[in-house]
Amino acid sequence: MNARTRWTVSCLLAILALLAVCGSPGTADARIVRIQVTATESPTFGGYSWPGVGQYEKVVGKAFGEVDPFDTKNAVIVDIRLAPRNAGGKVEYSFDFYILKPIDLSRGAHKVMYEPPNRGGKTWGNFGRMPGGNDPGSVTDPTVLANAFLMPRGYTMVWSGWDRRRAPALRASTRRARCRSPRTPMARRSPGRRTSTS
């Protein structure tokens, strides 16, 4: 992955993490401290190229962040002050992401379609005029791709999120492409005792 792609992914994930944790700008302070790209495919969609936009690439990975448990704006996070903290006094978390973007961003729309997955799955199929499934980059049928809604318009598509209850039950074959469970610390009332909400 080149430096421009790495920078774009970093910016998108930082914005999405802030929105996911904070709700809206200025609500709370959270930050992404590390990004781990676990898979890339360039080009994706079997190399299909949309006129005026070109080919797409897929970037899949995990983002790691931290939040200040004592910032009053984070008080809406249940039991945040009871969660274990790192050496800097922050509560760490992580989440999976899946991005489809034009390889040449200068030919893209400079717009993002963001979907927090439903129970770990992507639900954009009808909207995007694509078959359902959790790995849209694996679609290679030229007829389907030519009829797609977002790619011919140059959109970048981003999924990040989770459903903690659903992820462990997923089959190994579908688990790879899903946005799975977040990794969050277990809040504790006192040493060794979990809270009632954990």
N, C-alpha and C. Protein backbone atom coordinates (compact mmCIF):
# COMPACT_ATOMS: atom_id res chain seq x y z
N MET A 1 0.85 -1.16 0.00
CA MET A 1 0.00 0.00 0.00
C MET A 1 0.90 1.23 0.00
N ASN A 2 0.61 2.17 -0.90
CA ASN A 2 1.47 3.34 -1.01
C ASN A 2 1.15 4.36 0.09
N ALA A 3 2.00 5.38 0.20
CA ALA A 3 1.87 6.38 1.26
C ALA A 3 0.56 7.15 1.17
N ARG A 4 0.11 7.44 -0.04
CA ARG A 4 -1.15 8.18 -0.21
C ARG A 4 -2.34 7.37 0.29
N THR A 5 -2.37 6.08 -0.02
CA THR A 5 -3.43 5.21 0.45
C THR A 5 -3.40 5.11 1.97
N ARG A 6 -2.19 4.94 2.53
CA ARG A 6 -2.03 4.85 3.99
C ARG A 6 -2.56 6.12 4.66
N TRP A 7 -2.24 7.29 4.10
CA TRP A 7 -2.68 8.56 4.66
C TRP A 7 -4.21 8.67 4.57
N THR A 8 -4.79 8.29 3.44
CA THR A 8 -6.24 8.35 3.26
C THR A 8 -6.95 7.45 4.26
N VAL A 9 -6.46 6.23 4.41
CA VAL A 9 -7.05 5.29 5.36
C VAL A 9 -6.95 5.85 6.77
N SER A 10 -5.81 6.41 7.14
CA SER A 10 -5.63 6.98 8.48
C SER A 10 -6.62 8.10 8.74
N CYS A 11 -6.78 8.99 7.78
CA CYS A 11 -7.72 10.11 7.95
C CYS A 11 -9.16 9.62 8.08
N LEU A 12 -9.57 8.71 7.20
CA LEU A 12 -10.93 8.18 7.26
C LEU A 12 -11.21 7.51 8.59
N LEU A 13 -10.28 6.71 9.07
CA LEU A 13 -10.50 5.99 10.32
C LEU A 13 -10.51 6.92 11.51
N ALA A 14 -9.67 7.94 11.50
CA ALA A 14 -9.68 8.91 12.60
C ALA A 14 -11.02 9.62 12.69
N ILE A 15 -11.55 10.03 11.55
CA ILE A 15 -12.85 10.70 11.52
C ILE A 15 -13.94 9.76 11.98
N LEU A 16 -13.94 8.53 11.48
CA LEU A 16 -14.98 7.57 11.85
C LEU A 16 -14.91 7.20 13.32
N ALA A 17 -13.71 7.05 13.85
CA ALA A 17 -13.57 6.73 15.27
C ALA A 17 -14.10 7.86 16.13
N LEU A 18 -13.80 9.07 15.75
CA LEU A 18 -14.32 10.22 16.51
C LEU A 18 -15.83 10.25 16.47
N LEU A 19 -16.41 10.03 15.32
CA LEU A 19 -17.87 10.04 15.21
C LEU A 19 -18.49 8.88 15.98
N ALA A 20 -17.86 7.72 15.92
CA ALA A 20 -18.40 6.55 16.61
C ALA A 20 -18.37 6.72 18.12
N VAL A 21 -17.27 7.26 18.63
CA VAL A 21 -17.13 7.41 20.07
C VAL A 21 -17.79 8.68 20.57
N CYS A 22 -17.70 9.74 19.78
CA CYS A 22 -18.12 11.06 20.25
C CYS A 22 -19.53 11.43 19.85
N GLY A 23 -20.04 10.90 18.78
CA GLY A 23 -21.35 11.31 18.31
C GLY A 23 -21.25 12.43 17.31
N SER A 24 -20.71 13.56 17.71
CA SER A 24 -20.54 14.69 16.80
C SER A 24 -19.29 15.45 17.21
N PRO A 25 -18.71 16.25 16.30
CA PRO A 25 -17.49 16.97 16.63
C PRO A 25 -17.65 17.82 17.89
N GLY A 26 -16.61 17.83 18.71
CA GLY A 26 -16.63 18.64 19.91
C GLY A 26 -17.30 17.98 21.10
N THR A 27 -17.78 16.74 20.95
CA THR A 27 -18.50 16.08 22.03
C THR A 27 -17.54 15.42 23.02
N ALA A 28 -16.50 14.78 22.55
CA ALA A 28 -15.57 14.10 23.44
C ALA A 28 -14.23 13.96 22.73
N ASP A 29 -13.21 13.55 23.49
CA ASP A 29 -11.88 13.40 22.93
C ASP A 29 -11.52 11.93 22.85
N ALA A 30 -11.32 11.44 21.65
CA ALA A 30 -10.87 10.08 21.41
C ALA A 30 -9.88 10.15 20.27
N ARG A 31 -8.97 9.19 20.20
CA ARG A 31 -8.04 9.24 19.07
C ARG A 31 -7.60 7.83 18.68
N ILE A 32 -7.28 7.71 17.40
CA ILE A 32 -6.73 6.47 16.88
C ILE A 32 -5.22 6.54 17.08
N VAL A 33 -4.66 5.52 17.72
CA VAL A 33 -3.23 5.52 17.99
C VAL A 33 -2.45 4.59 17.07
N ARG A 34 -3.16 3.63 16.45
CA ARG A 34 -2.47 2.70 15.56
C ARG A 34 -3.47 2.09 14.58
N ILE A 35 -3.01 1.85 13.37
CA ILE A 35 -3.82 1.19 12.35
C ILE A 35 -3.05 -0.01 11.85
N GLN A 36 -3.72 -1.15 11.80
CA GLN A 36 -3.12 -2.39 11.33
C GLN A 36 -3.88 -2.84 10.08
N VAL A 37 -3.24 -2.76 8.94
CA VAL A 37 -3.86 -3.24 7.70
C VAL A 37 -3.56 -4.73 7.60
N THR A 38 -4.63 -5.53 7.55
CA THR A 38 -4.46 -6.99 7.54
C THR A 38 -4.59 -7.58 6.14
N ALA A 39 -5.23 -6.85 5.23
CA ALA A 39 -5.38 -7.36 3.86
C ALA A 39 -5.62 -6.20 2.90
N THR A 40 -5.02 -6.31 1.72
CA THR A 40 -5.29 -5.36 0.65
C THR A 40 -5.48 -6.16 -0.64
N GLU A 41 -6.29 -5.62 -1.52
CA GLU A 41 -6.47 -6.22 -2.83
C GLU A 41 -6.59 -5.07 -3.82
N SER A 42 -5.59 -4.98 -4.70
CA SER A 42 -5.56 -3.87 -5.65
C SER A 42 -5.10 -4.38 -7.01
N PRO A 43 -5.96 -4.44 -7.99
CA PRO A 43 -7.36 -4.01 -7.95
C PRO A 43 -8.25 -5.08 -7.35
N THR A 44 -9.44 -4.66 -6.93
CA THR A 44 -10.47 -5.58 -6.45
C THR A 44 -11.58 -5.64 -7.50
N PHE A 45 -12.69 -6.25 -7.22
CA PHE A 45 -13.77 -6.45 -8.18
C PHE A 45 -13.25 -7.15 -9.44
N GLY A 46 -12.29 -8.05 -9.29
CA GLY A 46 -11.75 -8.80 -10.42
C GLY A 46 -11.08 -7.92 -11.45
N GLY A 47 -10.66 -6.70 -11.07
CA GLY A 47 -9.99 -5.80 -12.00
C GLY A 47 -10.94 -4.94 -12.82
N TYR A 48 -12.24 -5.03 -12.54
CA TYR A 48 -13.22 -4.25 -13.31
C TYR A 48 -12.90 -2.76 -13.19
N SER A 49 -13.08 -2.02 -14.29
CA SER A 49 -12.78 -0.59 -14.31
C SER A 49 -14.02 0.19 -14.75
N TRP A 50 -14.43 1.17 -13.94
CA TRP A 50 -15.58 2.00 -14.27
C TRP A 50 -15.12 3.20 -15.09
N PRO A 51 -15.82 3.52 -16.16
CA PRO A 51 -15.45 4.67 -17.00
C PRO A 51 -15.40 5.97 -16.17
N GLY A 52 -14.32 6.70 -16.33
CA GLY A 52 -14.16 7.96 -15.62
C GLY A 52 -13.67 7.84 -14.20
N VAL A 53 -13.75 6.63 -13.62
CA VAL A 53 -13.34 6.41 -12.22
C VAL A 53 -12.15 5.45 -12.16
N GLY A 54 -12.19 4.41 -12.94
CA GLY A 54 -11.12 3.42 -12.94
C GLY A 54 -11.40 2.26 -12.00
N GLN A 55 -10.33 1.60 -11.59
CA GLN A 55 -10.43 0.42 -10.75
C GLN A 55 -10.47 0.80 -9.27
N TYR A 56 -10.95 -0.15 -8.47
CA TYR A 56 -11.04 0.03 -7.02
C TYR A 56 -10.04 -0.87 -6.31
N GLU A 57 -9.73 -0.49 -5.06
CA GLU A 57 -8.93 -1.37 -4.21
C GLU A 57 -9.63 -1.55 -2.87
N LYS A 58 -9.31 -2.67 -2.23
CA LYS A 58 -9.89 -3.03 -0.94
C LYS A 58 -8.81 -2.96 0.12
N VAL A 59 -9.14 -2.34 1.26
CA VAL A 59 -8.23 -2.25 2.40
C VAL A 59 -9.01 -2.72 3.63
N VAL A 60 -8.50 -3.75 4.30
CA VAL A 60 -9.16 -4.33 5.46
C VAL A 60 -8.19 -4.32 6.62
N GLY A 61 -8.68 -4.02 7.81
CA GLY A 61 -7.79 -4.03 8.96
C GLY A 61 -8.48 -3.72 10.27
N LYS A 62 -7.65 -3.26 11.20
CA LYS A 62 -8.11 -2.98 12.55
C LYS A 62 -7.52 -1.64 12.99
N ALA A 63 -8.33 -0.84 13.66
CA ALA A 63 -7.87 0.44 14.20
C ALA A 63 -7.88 0.35 15.73
N PHE A 64 -6.87 0.93 16.35
CA PHE A 64 -6.73 0.91 17.80
C PHE A 64 -6.82 2.35 18.30
N GLY A 65 -7.62 2.55 19.32
CA GLY A 65 -7.81 3.90 19.82
C GLY A 65 -7.77 3.95 21.33
N GLU A 66 -7.91 5.17 21.83
CA GLU A 66 -7.97 5.37 23.27
C GLU A 66 -8.85 6.57 23.57
N VAL A 67 -9.43 6.54 24.76
CA VAL A 67 -10.33 7.60 25.19
C VAL A 67 -10.03 7.92 26.66
N ASP A 68 -10.20 9.18 27.03
CA ASP A 68 -9.96 9.63 28.40
C ASP A 68 -11.19 9.33 29.25
N PRO A 69 -11.08 8.43 30.22
CA PRO A 69 -12.25 8.07 31.02
C PRO A 69 -12.70 9.19 31.97
N PHE A 70 -11.84 10.17 32.21
CA PHE A 70 -12.18 11.23 33.16
C PHE A 70 -12.62 12.53 32.47
N ASP A 71 -12.65 12.53 31.16
CA ASP A 71 -13.20 13.67 30.44
C ASP A 71 -14.71 13.63 30.65
N THR A 72 -15.30 14.70 31.18
CA THR A 72 -16.73 14.71 31.50
C THR A 72 -17.59 14.44 30.26
N LYS A 73 -17.08 14.75 29.07
CA LYS A 73 -17.85 14.50 27.86
C LYS A 73 -17.95 13.01 27.54
N ASN A 74 -17.11 12.19 28.17
CA ASN A 74 -17.16 10.75 27.95
C ASN A 74 -18.00 10.03 29.00
N ALA A 75 -18.63 10.77 29.88
CA ALA A 75 -19.42 10.16 30.95
C ALA A 75 -20.61 9.36 30.41
N VAL A 76 -21.01 9.60 29.16
CA VAL A 76 -22.12 8.84 28.57
C VAL A 76 -21.73 7.40 28.27
N ILE A 77 -20.45 7.10 28.28
CA ILE A 77 -19.99 5.72 28.05
C ILE A 77 -20.13 4.97 29.37
N VAL A 78 -20.97 3.95 29.39
CA VAL A 78 -21.30 3.23 30.62
C VAL A 78 -20.05 2.66 31.28
N ASP A 79 -19.88 2.94 32.56
CA ASP A 79 -18.79 2.41 33.39
C ASP A 79 -17.39 2.74 32.87
N ILE A 80 -17.25 3.79 32.08
CA ILE A 80 -15.94 4.11 31.50
C ILE A 80 -14.88 4.33 32.58
N ARG A 81 -15.26 4.91 33.70
CA ARG A 81 -14.28 5.17 34.76
C ARG A 81 -13.85 3.91 35.50
N LEU A 82 -14.57 2.83 35.32
CA LEU A 82 -14.23 1.56 35.97
C LEU A 82 -13.37 0.67 35.07
N ALA A 83 -13.17 1.07 33.83
CA ALA A 83 -12.41 0.25 32.88
C ALA A 83 -10.91 0.34 33.16
N PRO A 84 -10.17 -0.72 32.88
CA PRO A 84 -8.71 -0.67 33.03
C PRO A 84 -8.12 0.41 32.12
N ARG A 85 -7.04 1.03 32.58
CA ARG A 85 -6.41 2.11 31.83
C ARG A 85 -4.96 1.74 31.51
N ASN A 86 -4.46 2.32 30.42
CA ASN A 86 -3.06 2.11 30.03
C ASN A 86 -2.16 3.03 30.85
N ALA A 87 -0.87 3.01 30.55
CA ALA A 87 0.11 3.81 31.29
C ALA A 87 -0.18 5.31 31.20
N GLY A 88 -0.83 5.73 30.12
CA GLY A 88 -1.18 7.15 29.95
C GLY A 88 -2.51 7.51 30.58
N GLY A 89 -3.17 6.56 31.26
CA GLY A 89 -4.44 6.83 31.92
C GLY A 89 -5.65 6.76 31.00
N LYS A 90 -5.48 6.25 29.78
CA LYS A 90 -6.57 6.18 28.80
C LYS A 90 -7.13 4.75 28.74
N VAL A 91 -8.39 4.66 28.31
CA VAL A 91 -9.04 3.36 28.08
C VAL A 91 -8.85 3.01 26.61
N GLU A 92 -8.30 1.83 26.35
CA GLU A 92 -8.01 1.42 24.97
C GLU A 92 -9.18 0.62 24.39
N TYR A 93 -9.34 0.71 23.07
CA TYR A 93 -10.36 -0.05 22.35
C TYR A 93 -9.85 -0.29 20.94
N SER A 94 -10.51 -1.16 20.21
CA SER A 94 -10.16 -1.39 18.80
C SER A 94 -11.40 -1.82 18.04
N PHE A 95 -11.36 -1.68 16.72
CA PHE A 95 -12.47 -2.10 15.88
C PHE A 95 -11.96 -2.45 14.50
N ASP A 96 -12.72 -3.28 13.78
CA ASP A 96 -12.38 -3.70 12.43
C ASP A 96 -12.90 -2.69 11.42
N PHE A 97 -12.24 -2.60 10.27
CA PHE A 97 -12.73 -1.75 9.19
C PHE A 97 -12.54 -2.45 7.86
N TYR A 98 -13.34 -2.03 6.87
CA TYR A 98 -13.32 -2.57 5.51
C TYR A 98 -13.56 -1.38 4.60
N ILE A 99 -12.64 -1.10 3.69
CA ILE A 99 -12.73 0.07 2.82
C ILE A 99 -12.61 -0.35 1.36
N LEU A 100 -13.49 0.19 0.51
CA LEU A 100 -13.38 0.07 -0.94
C LEU A 100 -13.23 1.48 -1.48
N LYS A 101 -12.18 1.73 -2.26
CA LYS A 101 -11.93 3.09 -2.75
C LYS A 101 -11.32 3.04 -4.13
N PRO A 102 -11.52 4.12 -4.90
CA PRO A 102 -10.85 4.16 -6.21
C PRO A 102 -9.34 4.12 -6.01
N ILE A 103 -8.64 3.38 -6.86
CA ILE A 103 -7.18 3.34 -6.77
C ILE A 103 -6.62 4.74 -6.99
N ASP A 104 -7.13 5.44 -7.99
CA ASP A 104 -6.72 6.82 -8.27
C ASP A 104 -7.77 7.75 -7.65
N LEU A 105 -7.49 8.23 -6.44
CA LEU A 105 -8.47 9.05 -5.73
C LEU A 105 -8.79 10.35 -6.46
N SER A 106 -7.89 10.83 -7.30
CA SER A 106 -8.17 12.06 -8.04
C SER A 106 -9.32 11.88 -9.02
N ARG A 107 -9.62 10.63 -9.38
CA ARG A 107 -10.74 10.34 -10.29
C ARG A 107 -12.01 10.00 -9.52
N GLY A 108 -11.93 9.96 -8.19
CA GLY A 108 -13.08 9.63 -7.36
C GLY A 108 -13.96 10.84 -7.10
N ALA A 109 -15.05 10.63 -6.39
CA ALA A 109 -16.02 11.69 -6.10
C ALA A 109 -15.64 12.52 -4.87
N HIS A 110 -14.65 12.06 -4.11
CA HIS A 110 -14.25 12.71 -2.85
C HIS A 110 -15.42 12.71 -1.87
N LYS A 111 -16.19 11.63 -1.91
CA LYS A 111 -17.33 11.44 -1.01
C LYS A 111 -17.23 10.02 -0.43
N VAL A 112 -17.75 9.87 0.79
CA VAL A 112 -17.69 8.59 1.48
C VAL A 112 -19.10 8.11 1.82
N MET A 113 -19.37 6.85 1.55
CA MET A 113 -20.56 6.18 2.04
C MET A 113 -20.09 5.38 3.25
N TYR A 114 -20.57 5.74 4.43
CA TYR A 114 -20.18 5.03 5.66
C TYR A 114 -21.38 4.27 6.21
N GLU A 115 -21.15 3.01 6.53
CA GLU A 115 -22.22 2.20 7.12
C GLU A 115 -21.68 1.48 8.35
N PRO A 116 -22.28 1.75 9.52
CA PRO A 116 -21.96 0.89 10.66
C PRO A 116 -22.72 -0.41 10.47
N PRO A 117 -22.04 -1.54 10.38
CA PRO A 117 -22.70 -2.81 10.05
C PRO A 117 -23.77 -3.20 11.06
N ASN A 118 -24.75 -3.95 10.57
CA ASN A 118 -25.85 -4.46 11.38
C ASN A 118 -25.49 -5.87 11.82
N ARG A 119 -25.25 -6.05 13.11
CA ARG A 119 -24.85 -7.34 13.68
C ARG A 119 -23.63 -7.91 12.96
N GLY A 120 -22.71 -7.03 12.64
CA GLY A 120 -21.47 -7.46 12.00
C GLY A 120 -21.55 -7.60 10.50
N GLY A 121 -22.73 -7.42 9.91
CA GLY A 121 -22.89 -7.60 8.48
C GLY A 121 -23.18 -6.31 7.74
N LYS A 122 -22.79 -6.28 6.48
CA LYS A 122 -23.04 -5.12 5.63
C LYS A 122 -24.45 -5.22 5.04
N THR A 123 -25.21 -4.13 5.09
CA THR A 123 -26.59 -4.15 4.63
C THR A 123 -26.82 -3.23 3.43
N TRP A 124 -25.79 -2.78 2.81
CA TRP A 124 -25.88 -1.77 1.74
C TRP A 124 -26.28 -2.34 0.39
N GLY A 125 -26.45 -3.62 0.25
CA GLY A 125 -26.67 -4.28 -1.03
C GLY A 125 -27.75 -3.66 -1.90
N ASN A 126 -28.95 -3.43 -1.36
CA ASN A 126 -30.02 -2.85 -2.17
C ASN A 126 -29.69 -1.42 -2.58
N PHE A 127 -29.18 -0.64 -1.66
CA PHE A 127 -28.81 0.74 -1.96
C PHE A 127 -27.71 0.80 -3.01
N GLY A 128 -26.71 -0.06 -2.87
CA GLY A 128 -25.57 -0.05 -3.78
C GLY A 128 -25.81 -0.82 -5.08
N ARG A 129 -26.99 -1.43 -5.20
CA ARG A 129 -27.31 -2.28 -6.36
C ARG A 129 -26.27 -3.38 -6.53
N MET A 130 -25.96 -4.02 -5.43
CA MET A 130 -24.97 -5.10 -5.42
C MET A 130 -25.58 -6.29 -4.70
N PRO A 131 -25.10 -7.50 -5.01
CA PRO A 131 -25.59 -8.67 -4.27
C PRO A 131 -25.21 -8.51 -2.80
N GLY A 132 -26.03 -9.07 -1.93
CA GLY A 132 -25.72 -9.02 -0.50
C GLY A 132 -24.43 -9.76 -0.21
N GLY A 133 -23.91 -9.54 0.94
CA GLY A 133 -22.68 -10.23 1.34
C GLY A 133 -21.74 -9.30 2.05
N ASN A 134 -20.80 -9.90 2.73
CA ASN A 134 -19.88 -9.14 3.55
C ASN A 134 -18.53 -8.89 2.92
N ASP A 135 -18.36 -9.32 1.68
CA ASP A 135 -17.11 -9.03 0.97
C ASP A 135 -17.46 -8.52 -0.43
N PRO A 136 -18.01 -7.29 -0.51
CA PRO A 136 -18.44 -6.80 -1.81
C PRO A 136 -17.32 -6.72 -2.84
N GLY A 137 -16.08 -6.58 -2.40
CA GLY A 137 -14.96 -6.52 -3.32
C GLY A 137 -14.72 -7.81 -4.07
N SER A 138 -15.36 -8.89 -3.63
CA SER A 138 -15.18 -10.18 -4.30
C SER A 138 -16.12 -10.37 -5.49
N VAL A 139 -17.06 -9.44 -5.69
CA VAL A 139 -17.98 -9.53 -6.83
C VAL A 139 -17.19 -9.26 -8.11
N THR A 140 -17.32 -10.14 -9.11
CA THR A 140 -16.56 -9.98 -10.35
C THR A 140 -17.44 -10.01 -11.60
N ASP A 141 -18.75 -10.20 -11.45
CA ASP A 141 -19.64 -10.26 -12.61
C ASP A 141 -19.73 -8.87 -13.25
N PRO A 142 -19.25 -8.69 -14.49
CA PRO A 142 -19.25 -7.36 -15.12
C PRO A 142 -20.64 -6.76 -15.27
N THR A 143 -21.66 -7.58 -15.45
CA THR A 143 -23.02 -7.06 -15.58
C THR A 143 -23.48 -6.45 -14.27
N VAL A 144 -23.22 -7.13 -13.17
CA VAL A 144 -23.58 -6.62 -11.84
C VAL A 144 -22.79 -5.34 -11.55
N LEU A 145 -21.50 -5.36 -11.82
CA LEU A 145 -20.65 -4.20 -11.52
C LEU A 145 -21.02 -2.98 -12.36
N ALA A 146 -21.39 -3.20 -13.62
CA ALA A 146 -21.79 -2.08 -14.49
C ALA A 146 -23.06 -1.42 -13.99
N ASN A 147 -23.92 -2.19 -13.31
CA ASN A 147 -25.20 -1.68 -12.80
C ASN A 147 -25.09 -1.15 -11.37
N ALA A 148 -23.91 -1.23 -10.75
CA ALA A 148 -23.74 -0.77 -9.37
C ALA A 148 -24.02 0.72 -9.27
N PHE A 149 -24.34 1.18 -8.06
CA PHE A 149 -24.72 2.57 -7.87
C PHE A 149 -23.55 3.46 -7.45
N LEU A 150 -22.76 3.05 -6.47
CA LEU A 150 -21.74 3.93 -5.89
C LEU A 150 -20.41 3.94 -6.64
N MET A 151 -19.94 2.80 -7.09
CA MET A 151 -18.62 2.74 -7.72
C MET A 151 -18.55 3.56 -9.01
N PRO A 152 -19.56 3.52 -9.90
CA PRO A 152 -19.46 4.34 -11.11
C PRO A 152 -19.44 5.84 -10.81
N ARG A 153 -19.87 6.20 -9.61
CA ARG A 153 -19.88 7.61 -9.19
C ARG A 153 -18.62 7.97 -8.41
N GLY A 154 -17.73 7.03 -8.20
CA GLY A 154 -16.45 7.29 -7.56
C GLY A 154 -16.46 7.39 -6.05
N TYR A 155 -17.49 6.85 -5.40
CA TYR A 155 -17.56 6.91 -3.94
C TYR A 155 -16.54 5.98 -3.29
N THR A 156 -16.05 6.38 -2.14
CA THR A 156 -15.30 5.49 -1.25
C THR A 156 -16.32 4.93 -0.28
N MET A 157 -16.26 3.64 -0.01
CA MET A 157 -17.19 2.99 0.91
C MET A 157 -16.43 2.47 2.11
N VAL A 158 -16.94 2.78 3.30
CA VAL A 158 -16.26 2.41 4.54
C VAL A 158 -17.26 1.74 5.47
N TRP A 159 -16.83 0.62 6.05
CA TRP A 159 -17.59 -0.07 7.08
C TRP A 159 -16.69 -0.21 8.29
N SER A 160 -17.17 0.15 9.44
CA SER A 160 -16.46 -0.12 10.69
C SER A 160 -17.50 -0.18 11.77
N GLY A 161 -17.34 -1.13 12.66
CA GLY A 161 -18.32 -1.26 13.72
C GLY A 161 -18.37 -2.68 14.21
N TRP A 162 -19.44 -2.98 14.91
CA TRP A 162 -19.48 -4.26 15.56
C TRP A 162 -20.86 -4.58 16.09
N ASP A 163 -21.01 -5.80 16.50
CA ASP A 163 -22.09 -6.24 17.36
C ASP A 163 -21.47 -7.32 18.21
N ARG A 164 -21.19 -6.99 19.43
CA ARG A 164 -20.45 -7.86 20.34
C ARG A 164 -21.12 -9.23 20.49
N ARG A 165 -22.43 -9.28 20.48
CA ARG A 165 -23.12 -10.56 20.69
C ARG A 165 -23.04 -11.46 19.48
N ARG A 166 -22.96 -10.91 18.30
CA ARG A 166 -23.07 -11.68 17.06
C ARG A 166 -21.75 -12.30 16.60
N ALA A 167 -20.65 -11.58 16.75
CA ALA A 167 -19.39 -11.98 16.13
C ALA A 167 -18.90 -13.38 16.47
N PRO A 168 -18.92 -13.83 17.72
CA PRO A 168 -18.38 -15.16 18.02
C PRO A 168 -19.13 -16.29 17.32
N ALA A 169 -20.38 -16.07 16.97
CA ALA A 169 -21.18 -17.13 16.36
C ALA A 169 -20.98 -17.25 14.85
N LEU A 170 -20.25 -16.32 14.25
CA LEU A 170 -20.09 -16.35 12.80
C LEU A 170 -19.22 -17.51 12.36
N ARG A 171 -19.54 -18.08 11.21
CA ARG A 171 -18.71 -19.13 10.64
C ARG A 171 -17.36 -18.54 10.23
N ALA A 172 -16.32 -19.32 10.31
CA ALA A 172 -14.98 -18.85 9.95
C ALA A 172 -14.92 -18.31 8.53
N SER A 173 -15.67 -18.90 7.62
CA SER A 173 -15.61 -18.47 6.22
C SER A 173 -16.17 -17.07 6.00
N THR A 174 -17.15 -16.65 6.79
CA THR A 174 -17.72 -15.31 6.62
C THR A 174 -17.12 -14.32 7.60
N ARG A 175 -16.48 -14.79 8.62
CA ARG A 175 -15.96 -13.92 9.66
C ARG A 175 -14.89 -12.96 9.13
N ARG A 176 -14.09 -13.39 8.15
CA ARG A 176 -12.99 -12.58 7.67
C ARG A 176 -13.42 -11.22 7.15
N ALA A 177 -14.51 -11.16 6.43
CA ALA A 177 -14.91 -9.91 5.79
C ALA A 177 -15.87 -9.07 6.64
N ARG A 178 -16.37 -9.62 7.72
CA ARG A 178 -17.31 -8.87 8.54
C ARG A 178 -16.56 -7.89 9.44
N CYS A 179 -17.25 -6.83 9.81
CA CYS A 179 -16.74 -5.93 10.84
C CYS A 179 -17.23 -6.53 12.15
N ARG A 180 -16.31 -7.03 12.91
CA ARG A 180 -16.69 -7.82 14.07
C ARG A 180 -16.69 -7.03 15.36
N SER A 181 -16.66 -7.79 16.41
CA SER A 181 -16.75 -7.26 17.75
C SER A 181 -15.62 -6.29 18.07
N PRO A 182 -15.94 -5.23 18.81
CA PRO A 182 -14.86 -4.36 19.27
C PRO A 182 -14.10 -5.06 20.38
N ARG A 183 -12.90 -4.69 20.58
CA ARG A 183 -12.15 -5.18 21.72
C ARG A 183 -12.14 -4.03 22.71
N THR A 184 -12.91 -4.19 23.77
CA THR A 184 -13.00 -3.17 24.81
C THR A 184 -12.67 -3.82 26.14
N PRO A 185 -12.18 -3.05 27.09
CA PRO A 185 -11.85 -3.63 28.39
C PRO A 185 -13.12 -3.92 29.19
N MET A 186 -13.02 -4.85 30.13
CA MET A 186 -14.13 -5.19 31.01
C MET A 186 -14.06 -4.25 32.21
N ALA A 187 -15.13 -3.50 32.45
CA ALA A 187 -15.18 -2.60 33.60
C ALA A 187 -15.31 -3.43 34.87
N ARG A 188 -14.69 -2.98 35.94
CA ARG A 188 -14.71 -3.70 37.22
C ARG A 188 -15.01 -2.72 38.35
N ARG A 189 -15.86 -3.15 39.29
CA ARG A 189 -16.19 -2.30 40.44
C ARG A 189 -15.04 -2.30 41.44
N SER A 190 -14.48 -3.45 41.69
CA SER A 190 -13.34 -3.57 42.59
C SER A 190 -12.48 -4.69 42.03
N PRO A 191 -11.28 -4.87 42.54
CA PRO A 191 -10.41 -5.89 41.96
C PRO A 191 -11.11 -7.25 41.84
N GLY A 192 -11.22 -7.73 40.60
CA GLY A 192 -11.79 -9.04 40.33
C GLY A 192 -13.30 -9.11 40.24
N ARG A 193 -14.02 -8.00 40.49
CA ARG A 193 -15.48 -8.04 40.47
C ARG A 193 -16.00 -7.25 39.27
N ARG A 194 -16.76 -7.92 38.37
CA ARG A 194 -17.33 -7.26 37.20
C ARG A 194 -18.53 -6.41 37.58
N THR A 195 -18.82 -5.42 36.76
CA THR A 195 -20.02 -4.61 36.99
C THR A 195 -21.24 -5.37 36.49
N SER A 196 -22.42 -4.92 36.85
CA SER A 196 -23.65 -5.61 36.44
C SER A 196 -23.92 -5.44 34.96
N THR A 197 -23.32 -4.40 34.31
CA THR A 197 -23.56 -4.18 32.89
C THR A 197 -22.54 -4.89 32.02
N SER A 198 -21.56 -5.54 32.57
CA SER A 198 -20.51 -6.18 31.76
C SER A 198 -20.87 -7.59 31.40
